[in-house]
Amino acid sequence: MAEITAALVKELRERTGQGMMDCKKALTAAGGDIEKAIDDMRAAGAIKAAKKAGNIAAEGSIAVKVADDNKAAVIIEVNSQTDFLALQDDFKAFVADSLDKAFAQQLTEAAPLIAAQEPAREALVAKCGENVNIRRLTRVEGEVVGTYLHGHRIGVLVVLKGGDADLAKEIAMHVAASNPQFLNPSEVSEEAVEREKGVFLALNEDKIKGKPAEIVEKMVGGRIQKFLAEASLVEQPFVKDPEVKVGDLAKKAGAEIVSFVRYEVGEGIERAEVDFAAEVAAQVAATKQ
């Protein structure tokens, strides 16, 4: 029997739209076989249909809320199967209610919120016919916290030591636009640096062929410095004034960037590729039977 992990339960929940406990029971009964669990749930009438490719919820909304004193903020991602649903009032109300609960209860992870919102989520799924999931949540606290929300698809939290909320928001807007991967160059892992070196050498094989080792080392070093600047928030040129680095912008205002969080809808979710022509053909064929 396969181990019934939280990840397995989450996958079944995403593919069927059913509650966590129901999914766990189905997996246990199926010996950890997710496909058998789906078939058993369908046979029992628990779900009307479940595409084995997965009802993947990779659209949705990002929502943020900041305290009145700008010393704490929460960001959440709630996923839907289509962007159309993300724009509907029922979905927006579910997101807003989830965000308010997360903020009021000072939650620092998604699990308690998912459990608390399960009845409301199931009701929304039943009404809209789409899978809906609360995916993740982050809470930050600090001397100064700023937020920025770009539509409903990108959200950012920035924590500063010193400065003010306006500066924090400006930097959050930059993070939304430039998507830095790290705060400082020192945070970039050796693994990431080695990977970048490998990519550079592979792409420039013809240019470095036959060159002395020290010249190649200088070329690689230059690329790595550029990579660190591109990937690190404090080294990036500020989007509103490319002559100034973001780190220097903060320093000039007597501030230091402590941390940032950037969410983008659906990032990291593997989306199923749908062959719409084949799907329509199958539906037409089914009507002729």
Protein backbone atom coordinates (compact mmCIF):
# COMPACT_ATOMS: atom_id res chain seq x y z
CA MET A 1 0.00 0.00 0.00
CA ALA A 2 1.40 3.40 -1.00
CA GLU A 3 1.84 6.01 1.71
CA ILE A 4 -1.10 8.43 1.90
CA THR A 5 0.85 11.68 1.86
CA ALA A 6 -0.52 15.21 2.12
CA ALA A 7 0.65 15.81 -1.46
CA LEU A 8 -1.36 12.80 -2.68
CA VAL A 9 -4.48 14.00 -0.86
CA LYS A 10 -3.98 17.49 -2.31
CA GLU A 11 -3.67 16.11 -5.86
CA LEU A 12 -6.87 14.07 -5.51
CA ARG A 13 -8.66 17.09 -4.07
CA GLU A 14 -7.52 19.25 -7.00
CA ARG A 15 -8.61 16.63 -9.52
CA THR A 16 -12.03 15.95 -8.04
CA GLY A 17 -13.06 19.06 -6.13
CA GLN A 18 -13.97 16.92 -3.11
CA GLY A 19 -13.15 17.58 0.55
CA MET A 20 -9.82 16.64 2.12
CA MET A 21 -11.25 14.03 4.44
CA ASP A 22 -13.24 12.39 1.63
CA CYS A 23 -10.11 12.29 -0.50
CA LYS A 24 -8.06 10.77 2.30
CA LYS A 25 -10.70 8.08 2.91
CA ALA A 26 -10.88 7.27 -0.81
CA LEU A 27 -7.10 6.98 -1.08
CA THR A 28 -6.93 4.76 1.99
CA ALA A 29 -9.61 2.47 0.58
CA ALA A 30 -7.78 2.39 -2.77
CA GLY A 31 -4.44 1.54 -1.20
CA GLY A 32 -2.92 4.86 -2.25
CA ASP A 33 -3.77 4.38 -5.96
CA ILE A 34 -5.08 7.79 -7.04
CA GLU A 35 -6.60 6.58 -10.31
CA LYS A 36 -8.49 3.79 -8.50
CA ALA A 37 -9.63 6.31 -5.88
CA ILE A 38 -11.09 8.49 -8.63
CA ASP A 39 -12.84 5.54 -10.26
CA ASP A 40 -14.23 4.41 -6.89
CA MET A 41 -15.51 7.91 -6.12
CA ARG A 42 -17.17 8.12 -9.52
CA ALA A 43 -18.75 4.68 -9.10
CA ALA A 44 -20.10 5.70 -5.71
CA GLY A 45 -21.60 8.85 -7.22
CA ALA A 46 -19.39 11.10 -5.12
CA ILE A 47 -18.30 12.95 -8.23
CA LYS A 48 -20.05 13.25 -11.56
CA ALA A 49 -16.82 13.20 -13.55
CA ALA A 50 -13.09 13.48 -13.13
CA LYS A 51 -10.80 13.94 -16.08
CA LYS A 52 -7.82 11.73 -15.51
CA ALA A 53 -5.63 14.47 -16.95
CA GLY A 54 -6.75 16.41 -13.87
CA ASN A 55 -9.10 19.31 -13.25
CA ILE A 56 -6.09 21.52 -12.80
CA ALA A 57 -6.79 24.83 -11.08
CA ALA A 58 -4.00 27.05 -12.39
CA GLU A 59 -5.93 30.33 -12.78
CA GLY A 60 -7.37 32.40 -9.95
CA SER A 61 -6.51 35.43 -7.87
CA ILE A 62 -3.88 36.89 -5.59
CA ALA A 63 -5.13 39.01 -2.69
CA VAL A 64 -3.27 41.11 -0.12
CA LYS A 65 -4.20 42.89 3.11
CA VAL A 66 -2.05 45.22 5.18
CA ALA A 67 -2.54 46.46 8.73
CA ASP A 68 -3.55 50.07 9.29
CA ASP A 69 -0.19 50.74 10.95
CA ASN A 70 1.71 49.12 8.05
CA LYS A 71 3.48 46.68 10.36
CA ALA A 72 1.93 43.43 9.11
CA ALA A 73 0.42 42.05 5.91
CA VAL A 74 -0.93 38.82 4.43
CA ILE A 75 -0.93 37.55 0.86
CA ILE A 76 -2.89 34.55 -0.40
CA GLU A 77 -3.42 32.72 -3.68
CA VAL A 78 -6.75 31.09 -4.47
CA ASN A 79 -6.92 29.05 -7.66
CA SER A 80 -9.72 28.33 -10.13
CA GLN A 81 -9.75 26.40 -13.37
CA THR A 82 -10.54 29.44 -15.52
CA ASP A 83 -9.77 33.13 -15.38
CA PHE A 84 -13.45 33.74 -16.12
CA LEU A 85 -14.42 32.38 -12.71
CA ALA A 86 -11.71 34.47 -11.03
CA LEU A 87 -13.57 37.58 -12.21
CA GLN A 88 -16.97 36.51 -10.88
CA ASP A 89 -18.50 37.94 -7.69
CA ASP A 90 -18.94 34.58 -5.93
CA PHE A 91 -15.29 33.73 -6.35
CA LYS A 92 -14.18 37.23 -5.34
CA ALA A 93 -16.31 36.98 -2.19
CA PHE A 94 -14.71 33.64 -1.28
CA VAL A 95 -11.23 35.12 -1.77
CA ALA A 96 -12.07 38.21 0.29
CA ASP A 97 -13.55 36.14 3.12
CA SER A 98 -10.52 33.81 3.12
CA LEU A 99 -8.15 36.77 3.24
CA ASP A 100 -10.05 38.42 6.11
CA LYS A 101 -9.96 35.20 8.14
CA ALA A 102 -6.25 34.70 7.50
CA PHE A 103 -5.49 38.26 8.54
CA ALA A 104 -7.73 38.33 11.62
CA GLN A 105 -6.39 35.00 12.89
CA GLN A 106 -2.77 35.97 12.12
CA LEU A 107 -2.29 32.75 10.20
CA THR A 108 1.21 32.02 8.92
CA GLU A 109 0.43 28.99 6.74
CA ALA A 110 -2.38 27.86 4.49
CA ALA A 111 -3.41 24.58 6.16
CA PRO A 112 -5.63 26.07 8.93
CA LEU A 113 -7.30 28.39 6.43
CA ILE A 114 -7.95 25.54 4.01
CA ALA A 115 -9.61 23.54 6.77
CA ALA A 116 -11.71 26.48 7.98
CA GLN A 117 -12.88 27.39 4.48
CA GLU A 118 -13.66 23.86 3.31
CA PRO A 119 -17.48 24.15 3.64
CA ALA A 120 -17.50 27.45 1.76
CA ARG A 121 -15.14 26.06 -0.88
CA GLU A 122 -17.32 22.99 -1.44
CA ALA A 123 -20.41 25.19 -1.78
CA LEU A 124 -18.62 27.38 -4.35
CA VAL A 125 -17.43 24.34 -6.32
CA ALA A 126 -20.96 22.92 -6.36
CA LYS A 127 -22.36 26.24 -7.57
CA CYS A 128 -19.79 27.13 -10.22
CA GLY A 129 -18.86 23.65 -11.45
CA GLU A 130 -15.14 24.41 -11.31
CA ASN A 131 -12.40 23.25 -9.01
CA VAL A 132 -11.33 25.91 -6.49
CA ASN A 133 -8.38 25.71 -4.10
CA ILE A 134 -6.69 27.88 -1.51
CA ARG A 135 -3.10 27.24 -2.55
CA ARG A 136 -0.77 29.26 -0.31
CA LEU A 137 -0.49 32.02 2.25
CA THR A 138 2.31 34.18 3.66
CA ARG A 139 2.19 36.63 6.57
CA VAL A 140 4.96 39.16 7.18
CA GLU A 141 5.62 41.60 10.00
CA GLY A 142 8.16 44.36 10.34
CA GLU A 143 8.97 47.98 11.02
CA VAL A 144 7.41 49.05 7.71
CA VAL A 145 5.38 46.81 5.40
CA GLY A 146 4.20 47.79 1.94
CA THR A 147 2.06 45.96 -0.58
CA TYR A 148 1.25 46.11 -4.27
CA LEU A 149 -1.40 44.25 -6.23
CA HIS A 150 -1.22 44.19 -10.03
CA GLY A 151 -4.75 43.39 -11.10
CA HIS A 152 -5.67 40.03 -9.60
CA ARG A 153 -2.68 38.08 -10.92
CA ILE A 154 0.44 39.42 -9.15
CA GLY A 155 0.84 40.50 -5.52
CA VAL A 156 3.89 41.62 -3.54
CA LEU A 157 4.75 42.28 0.11
CA VAL A 158 7.90 44.23 1.06
CA VAL A 159 9.33 44.63 4.56
CA LEU A 160 11.62 47.58 5.32
CA LYS A 161 13.70 48.70 8.26
CA GLY A 162 13.28 52.45 8.18
CA GLY A 163 11.62 54.36 5.37
CA ASP A 164 7.85 54.53 5.02
CA ALA A 165 4.89 52.74 3.47
CA ASP A 166 5.11 54.77 0.25
CA LEU A 167 8.71 53.66 -0.30
CA ALA A 168 7.78 50.07 0.49
CA LYS A 169 4.97 50.23 -2.07
CA GLU A 170 7.32 51.68 -4.71
CA ILE A 171 9.73 48.80 -4.17
CA ALA A 172 6.84 46.33 -4.22
CA MET A 173 5.78 47.71 -7.60
CA HIS A 174 9.33 47.15 -8.84
CA VAL A 175 9.29 43.56 -7.56
CA ALA A 176 6.01 42.93 -9.38
CA ALA A 177 7.51 44.19 -12.65
CA SER A 178 11.04 42.77 -12.43
CA ASN A 179 10.51 39.50 -10.53
CA PRO A 180 13.84 39.27 -8.65
CA GLN A 181 14.67 35.79 -7.38
CA PHE A 182 16.77 36.89 -4.38
CA LEU A 183 17.13 39.89 -2.09
CA ASN A 184 20.95 40.11 -2.06
CA PRO A 185 23.67 38.53 -4.23
CA SER A 186 24.93 36.73 -1.12
CA GLU A 187 21.67 34.75 -1.02
CA VAL A 188 22.23 33.19 -4.44
CA SER A 189 23.13 29.56 -3.90
CA GLU A 190 26.29 27.95 -5.24
CA GLU A 191 24.06 25.56 -7.13
CA ALA A 192 22.38 28.43 -8.97
CA VAL A 193 25.75 30.00 -9.77
CA GLU A 194 27.16 26.71 -11.09
CA ARG A 195 24.06 26.18 -13.18
CA GLU A 196 24.45 29.64 -14.70
CA LYS A 197 28.11 28.93 -15.44
CA GLY A 198 27.15 25.73 -17.22
CA VAL A 199 24.54 27.50 -19.33
CA PHE A 200 26.98 30.27 -20.26
CA LEU A 201 29.72 27.83 -21.28
CA ALA A 202 27.31 25.77 -23.35
CA LEU A 203 25.92 28.81 -25.17
CA ASN A 204 29.36 30.29 -25.85
CA GLU A 205 31.25 27.14 -26.70
CA ASP A 206 32.40 28.51 -30.08
CA LYS A 207 33.49 31.86 -28.62
CA ILE A 208 35.67 30.37 -25.88
CA LYS A 209 37.14 27.53 -27.89
CA GLY A 210 40.94 27.84 -27.94
CA LYS A 211 41.03 30.82 -25.57
CA PRO A 212 43.42 30.78 -22.57
CA ALA A 213 41.89 29.59 -19.30
CA GLU A 214 42.30 32.98 -17.62
CA ILE A 215 40.36 34.70 -20.42
CA VAL A 216 37.57 32.14 -20.17
CA GLU A 217 37.53 32.64 -16.40
CA LYS A 218 37.14 36.41 -16.88
CA MET A 219 34.29 35.88 -19.34
CA VAL A 220 32.52 33.52 -16.96
CA GLY A 221 33.11 35.91 -14.04
CA GLY A 222 31.56 38.77 -15.97
CA ARG A 223 28.50 36.72 -16.77
CA ILE A 224 28.10 35.63 -13.16
CA GLN A 225 28.30 39.23 -11.93
CA LYS A 226 25.61 40.17 -14.44
CA PHE A 227 23.50 37.20 -13.34
CA LEU A 228 23.78 38.19 -9.66
CA ALA A 229 22.72 41.74 -10.49
CA GLU A 230 19.78 40.58 -12.59
CA ALA A 231 18.57 38.09 -9.98
CA SER A 232 19.04 40.21 -6.82
CA LEU A 233 16.54 42.91 -5.87
CA VAL A 234 19.04 45.32 -4.32
CA GLU A 235 21.24 45.23 -7.45
CA GLN A 236 18.47 45.70 -10.01
CA PRO A 237 17.99 49.10 -11.70
CA PHE A 238 14.85 50.69 -10.30
CA VAL A 239 12.09 50.48 -12.93
CA LYS A 240 11.12 54.14 -12.51
CA ASP A 241 14.74 55.36 -12.61
CA PRO A 242 17.19 52.86 -14.16
CA GLU A 243 20.12 55.04 -13.10
CA VAL A 244 19.50 54.06 -9.48
CA LYS A 245 19.75 50.56 -8.02
CA VAL A 246 16.86 49.49 -5.80
CA GLY A 247 19.20 48.97 -2.83
CA ASP A 248 20.56 52.51 -3.23
CA LEU A 249 17.03 53.89 -3.54
CA ALA A 250 16.25 52.43 -0.12
CA LYS A 251 19.53 53.70 1.41
CA LYS A 252 18.89 57.24 0.20
CA ALA A 253 15.61 57.16 2.09
CA GLY A 254 17.34 55.88 5.24
CA ALA A 255 15.88 52.41 4.79
CA GLU A 256 17.02 48.83 4.36
CA ILE A 257 15.07 46.14 2.51
CA VAL A 258 14.54 43.25 4.92
CA SER A 259 12.52 40.85 2.76
CA PHE A 260 9.97 40.53 -0.02
CA VAL A 261 7.32 38.05 -1.14
CA ARG A 262 6.01 37.86 -4.70
CA TYR A 263 3.05 35.71 -5.76
CA GLU A 264 1.92 35.21 -9.34
CA VAL A 265 -1.18 33.22 -10.19
CA GLY A 266 -0.43 29.66 -11.18
CA GLU A 267 3.35 29.87 -11.01
CA GLY A 268 4.86 26.43 -10.57
CA ILE A 269 1.63 24.59 -11.40
CA GLU A 270 1.98 22.13 -14.24
CA ARG A 271 -0.84 22.85 -16.65
CA ALA A 272 -2.43 20.11 -18.69
CA GLU A 273 -2.19 20.58 -22.44
CA VAL A 274 -5.66 20.28 -23.92
CA ASP A 275 -6.21 19.14 -27.51
CA PHE A 276 -9.48 20.98 -28.09
CA ALA A 277 -9.96 19.51 -31.58
CA ALA A 278 -9.71 15.99 -30.20
CA GLU A 279 -12.01 16.88 -27.31
CA VAL A 280 -14.71 18.25 -29.65
CA ALA A 281 -14.36 15.23 -31.95
CA ALA A 282 -14.81 12.88 -28.98
CA GLN A 283 -17.93 14.76 -27.86
CA VAL A 284 -19.40 14.63 -31.38
CA ALA A 285 -18.65 10.91 -31.59
CA ALA A 286 -20.35 10.34 -28.24
CA THR A 287 -23.57 11.98 -29.47
CA LYS A 288 -23.74 9.55 -32.41
CA GLN A 289 -23.64 6.45 -30.24
